[in-house]
Each structure stands twice: as structure tokens, then as C-alpha cells.
Amino acid sequence: QVQPVESGGGSVQAGGSLRLSCAASGRTFYNYAVGWFRQAPGKERELVAAISRAGTRTSYGDSVKGRFTISRDSAMGTTYLQMNSLKPEDTAPYYCAASLRGPYVVVTTAQNYTYWGRGTQVTVSS
């Protein structure tokens, strides 16, 4: 089993940037496909971005395309979500999830992820 741990959340003004990180507590993370999801109060959970285990394929939610970038380092498999041009509607807790599918599969649906982090809050003010 693996426990994803998110970090990097915070408060920022509209137009600003944040970088979230997701790592596995106490172990390497490169054997897992990873996805970022968010769920604002009163809204459904949505995919933000996902990356394959090999790190060669990515997918993005429509609302973040062109603004967010997902990547991962090859050594430990830590996964990053670079968020630029943030908008107030990006405000939500962001969750990192891990799946053993792969190595070239991008997992875009929440039910196909086995391991979930506890989330990190992102707040964007106007």
C-alpha cells in the first residue's frame, strides 16, 4: 500500500500561481499512475490532471487546460501540479490519488484510483 501526501496548498490572489506536490509517505512513488482531483463545496468531484506511471502521458480537465501542468520526477516519482493564472473558481481542496494501472495508462476516473491523500486546500481570492 501507499499513502499519498499532498503539500503546497495555500491562499493566493487571482492571477497568481501555486505548485502542489504529491509524494508517497516513506517510499518511492514512481510505480503508480497519479491523478489530482478537486471538489468544491456543493459541486461534484472533478479531475484536474493525471499522469501515467511512466510520466509520458497526461490528461487535463477542461477548466484547467492551458493553465495547469502536471509532471513528475523520475527518481522518487514525486508528482507536481503547477497551477498558473489561478481563478476564484479554482478554490477547493485538492486531492492526490494513486493507481497501479500503467505504465502508459492515464487514469482519469476517480473510481479507478485505489489510494487517496487527505487533501490540501487551495484558496484563490478575487
C-alpha atoms as a PDB file:
ATOM      1  CA  GLN A   1       0.000   0.000   0.000  1.00  0.00           C
ATOM      2  CA  VAL A   2       0.987   3.600  -0.465  1.00  0.00           C
ATOM      3  CA  GLN A   3      -0.227   6.750   1.240  1.00  0.00           C
ATOM      4  CA  PRO A   4      -0.144   9.836  -0.976  1.00  0.00           C
ATOM      5  CA  VAL A   5       0.715  13.030   0.862  1.00  0.00           C
ATOM      6  CA  GLU A   6      -0.103  16.418  -0.654  1.00  0.00           C
ATOM      7  CA  SER A   7       1.639  19.697   0.073  1.00  0.00           C
ATOM      8  CA  GLY A   8       1.866  23.187  -1.343  1.00  0.00           C
ATOM      9  CA  GLY A   9      -1.666  24.456  -0.936  1.00  0.00           C
ATOM     10  CA  GLY A  10      -2.411  27.939   0.300  1.00  0.00           C
ATOM     11  CA  SER A  11      -4.079  31.246  -0.424  1.00  0.00           C
ATOM     12  CA  VAL A  12      -3.307  33.371  -3.445  1.00  0.00           C
ATOM     13  CA  GLN A  13      -4.877  36.216  -5.361  1.00  0.00           C
ATOM     14  CA  ALA A  14      -6.461  35.714  -8.745  1.00  0.00           C
ATOM     15  CA  GLY A  15      -3.837  35.513 -11.457  1.00  0.00           C
ATOM     16  CA  GLY A  16      -1.279  34.041  -9.091  1.00  0.00           C
ATOM     17  CA  SER A  17       0.430  30.663  -9.059  1.00  0.00           C
ATOM     18  CA  LEU A  18       0.878  27.710  -6.743  1.00  0.00           C
ATOM     19  CA  ARG A  19       2.672  24.401  -7.055  1.00  0.00           C
ATOM     20  CA  LEU A  20       1.282  21.337  -5.372  1.00  0.00           C
ATOM     21  CA  SER A  21       3.354  18.257  -4.647  1.00  0.00           C
ATOM     22  CA  CYS A  22       2.311  14.679  -4.056  1.00  0.00           C
ATOM     23  CA  ALA A  23       4.668  12.084  -2.639  1.00  0.00           C
ATOM     24  CA  ALA A  24       4.346   8.682  -1.045  1.00  0.00           C
ATOM     25  CA  SER A  25       4.900   8.647   2.670  1.00  0.00           C
ATOM     26  CA  GLY A  26       8.114   6.756   3.346  1.00  0.00           C
ATOM     27  CA  ARG A  27       8.584   5.180  -0.071  1.00  0.00           C
ATOM     28  CA  THR A  28       9.052   5.860  -3.745  1.00  0.00           C
ATOM     29  CA  PHE A  29       6.099   6.769  -5.857  1.00  0.00           C
ATOM     30  CA  TYR A  30       7.185   6.004  -9.384  1.00  0.00           C
ATOM     31  CA  ASN A  31       5.270   2.706  -9.628  1.00  0.00           C
ATOM     32  CA  TYR A  32       1.926   4.474  -9.577  1.00  0.00           C
ATOM     33  CA  ALA A  33      -0.136   6.473 -12.018  1.00  0.00           C
ATOM     34  CA  VAL A  34      -1.213   9.674 -10.302  1.00  0.00           C
ATOM     35  CA  GLY A  35      -4.162  11.997 -10.556  1.00  0.00           C
ATOM     36  CA  TRP A  36      -5.209  15.260  -8.987  1.00  0.00           C
ATOM     37  CA  PHE A  37      -8.873  15.847  -8.200  1.00  0.00           C
ATOM     38  CA  ARG A  38     -10.778  18.654  -6.541  1.00  0.00           C
ATOM     39  CA  GLN A  39     -14.228  19.007  -5.046  1.00  0.00           C
ATOM     40  CA  ALA A  40     -15.557  22.413  -4.115  1.00  0.00           C
ATOM     41  CA  PRO A  41     -18.497  22.605  -1.655  1.00  0.00           C
ATOM     42  CA  GLY A  42     -21.751  21.785  -3.407  1.00  0.00           C
ATOM     43  CA  LYS A  43     -20.005  20.572  -6.550  1.00  0.00           C
ATOM     44  CA  GLU A  44     -19.066  17.185  -7.911  1.00  0.00           C
ATOM     45  CA  ARG A  45     -15.533  15.902  -7.694  1.00  0.00           C
ATOM     46  CA  GLU A  46     -13.657  16.604 -10.898  1.00  0.00           C
ATOM     47  CA  LEU A  47     -10.418  15.546 -12.483  1.00  0.00           C
ATOM     48  CA  VAL A  48      -7.837  18.300 -12.531  1.00  0.00           C
ATOM     49  CA  ALA A  49      -4.939  16.435 -14.127  1.00  0.00           C
ATOM     50  CA  ALA A  50      -3.487  12.946 -14.399  1.00  0.00           C
ATOM     51  CA  ILE A  51      -0.172  11.432 -15.428  1.00  0.00           C
ATOM     52  CA  SER A  52       0.784   7.909 -16.380  1.00  0.00           C
ATOM     53  CA  ARG A  53       3.157   5.800 -14.347  1.00  0.00           C
ATOM     54  CA  ALA A  54       5.848   6.271 -16.976  1.00  0.00           C
ATOM     55  CA  GLY A  55       5.264  10.016 -16.914  1.00  0.00           C
ATOM     56  CA  THR A  56       4.883  10.140 -20.686  1.00  0.00           C
ATOM     57  CA  ARG A  57       1.136  10.729 -20.960  1.00  0.00           C
ATOM     58  CA  THR A  58      -1.047  13.345 -19.312  1.00  0.00           C
ATOM     59  CA  SER A  59      -4.663  14.433 -19.253  1.00  0.00           C
ATOM     60  CA  TYR A  60      -6.340  17.616 -18.002  1.00  0.00           C
ATOM     61  CA  GLY A  61      -9.795  18.730 -17.025  1.00  0.00           C
ATOM     62  CA  ASP A  62     -11.287  21.197 -19.497  1.00  0.00           C
ATOM     63  CA  SER A  63     -11.398  24.013 -16.947  1.00  0.00           C
ATOM     64  CA  VAL A  64      -7.652  23.949 -16.314  1.00  0.00           C
ATOM     65  CA  LYS A  65      -6.213  23.243 -19.763  1.00  0.00           C
ATOM     66  CA  GLY A  66      -3.537  25.736 -20.678  1.00  0.00           C
ATOM     67  CA  ARG A  67      -3.165  26.925 -17.063  1.00  0.00           C
ATOM     68  CA  PHE A  68      -2.114  23.836 -15.089  1.00  0.00           C
ATOM     69  CA  THR A  69       0.746  21.430 -15.759  1.00  0.00           C
ATOM     70  CA  ILE A  70       1.274  18.026 -14.191  1.00  0.00           C
ATOM     71  CA  SER A  71       4.726  16.464 -14.058  1.00  0.00           C
ATOM     72  CA  ARG A  72       6.761  14.009 -12.055  1.00  0.00           C
ATOM     73  CA  ASP A  73      10.403  13.442 -11.230  1.00  0.00           C
ATOM     74  CA  SER A  74      11.990  10.195 -12.380  1.00  0.00           C
ATOM     75  CA  ALA A  75      13.876   9.453  -9.189  1.00  0.00           C
ATOM     76  CA  MET A  76      11.260   9.244  -6.466  1.00  0.00           C
ATOM     77  CA  GLY A  77       8.160   9.693  -8.588  1.00  0.00           C
ATOM     78  CA  THR A  78       7.027  12.799  -6.731  1.00  0.00           C
ATOM     79  CA  THR A  79       4.256  14.371  -8.766  1.00  0.00           C
ATOM     80  CA  TYR A  80       3.774  18.101  -9.157  1.00  0.00           C
ATOM     81  CA  LEU A  81       0.853  20.241 -10.213  1.00  0.00           C
ATOM     82  CA  GLN A  82       1.908  23.688 -11.376  1.00  0.00           C
ATOM     83  CA  MET A  83      -1.090  25.995 -11.294  1.00  0.00           C
ATOM     84  CA  ASN A  84      -0.855  29.336 -13.094  1.00  0.00           C
ATOM     85  CA  SER A  85      -3.372  32.080 -13.790  1.00  0.00           C
ATOM     86  CA  LEU A  86      -5.453  30.934 -10.863  1.00  0.00           C
ATOM     87  CA  LYS A  87      -9.093  31.945 -10.694  1.00  0.00           C
ATOM     88  CA  PRO A  88     -11.505  32.137  -7.745  1.00  0.00           C
ATOM     89  CA  GLU A  89     -13.371  29.150  -9.186  1.00  0.00           C
ATOM     90  CA  ASP A  90     -10.216  27.058  -8.675  1.00  0.00           C
ATOM     91  CA  THR A  91     -10.811  27.282  -4.927  1.00  0.00           C
ATOM     92  CA  ALA A  92     -11.237  23.794  -3.471  1.00  0.00           C
ATOM     93  CA  PRO A  93      -9.435  21.099  -1.566  1.00  0.00           C
ATOM     94  CA  TYR A  94      -7.125  19.251  -3.981  1.00  0.00           C
ATOM     95  CA  TYR A  95      -6.611  15.524  -3.599  1.00  0.00           C
ATOM     96  CA  CYS A  96      -3.838  13.346  -4.945  1.00  0.00           C
ATOM     97  CA  ALA A  97      -4.666   9.766  -5.875  1.00  0.00           C
ATOM     98  CA  ALA A  98      -2.554   6.792  -6.933  1.00  0.00           C
ATOM     99  CA  SER A  99      -3.249   3.789  -9.122  1.00  0.00           C
ATOM    100  CA  LEU A 100      -1.199   0.741 -10.074  1.00  0.00           C
ATOM    101  CA  ARG A 101      -2.522   0.827 -13.653  1.00  0.00           C
ATOM    102  CA  GLY A 102       0.020   1.511 -16.310  1.00  0.00           C
ATOM    103  CA  PRO A 103       2.770   2.073 -17.216  1.00  0.00           C
ATOM    104  CA  TYR A 104       1.337   4.066 -20.089  1.00  0.00           C
ATOM    105  CA  VAL A 105      -2.263   4.400 -18.941  1.00  0.00           C
ATOM    106  CA  VAL A 106      -3.610   7.774 -17.854  1.00  0.00           C
ATOM    107  CA  VAL A 107      -6.288   7.146 -15.234  1.00  0.00           C
ATOM    108  CA  THR A 108      -8.968   9.820 -15.483  1.00  0.00           C
ATOM    109  CA  THR A 109     -11.825   8.449 -13.372  1.00  0.00           C
ATOM    110  CA  ALA A 110     -11.819   8.621  -9.597  1.00  0.00           C
ATOM    111  CA  GLN A 111     -13.155   5.100  -9.095  1.00  0.00           C
ATOM    112  CA  ASN A 112     -10.060   3.656 -10.773  1.00  0.00           C
ATOM    113  CA  TYR A 113      -7.781   5.091  -8.101  1.00  0.00           C
ATOM    114  CA  THR A 114      -7.078   2.985  -5.041  1.00  0.00           C
ATOM    115  CA  TYR A 115      -5.076   5.274  -2.783  1.00  0.00           C
ATOM    116  CA  TRP A 116      -6.035   8.798  -1.806  1.00  0.00           C
ATOM    117  CA  GLY A 117      -4.377  11.592   0.093  1.00  0.00           C
ATOM    118  CA  ARG A 118      -6.110  13.756   2.666  1.00  0.00           C
ATOM    119  CA  GLY A 119      -6.073  16.854   0.505  1.00  0.00           C
ATOM    120  CA  THR A 120      -4.565  20.322   0.538  1.00  0.00           C
ATOM    121  CA  GLN A 121      -6.651  23.479   0.405  1.00  0.00           C
ATOM    122  CA  VAL A 122      -6.258  25.979  -2.418  1.00  0.00           C
ATOM    123  CA  THR A 123      -7.996  29.326  -1.971  1.00  0.00           C
ATOM    124  CA  VAL A 124      -7.995  31.969  -4.697  1.00  0.00           C
ATOM    125  CA  SER A 125      -9.339  35.415  -3.850  1.00  0.00           C
ATOM    126  CA  SER A 126     -10.586  37.940  -6.363  1.00  0.00           C
END
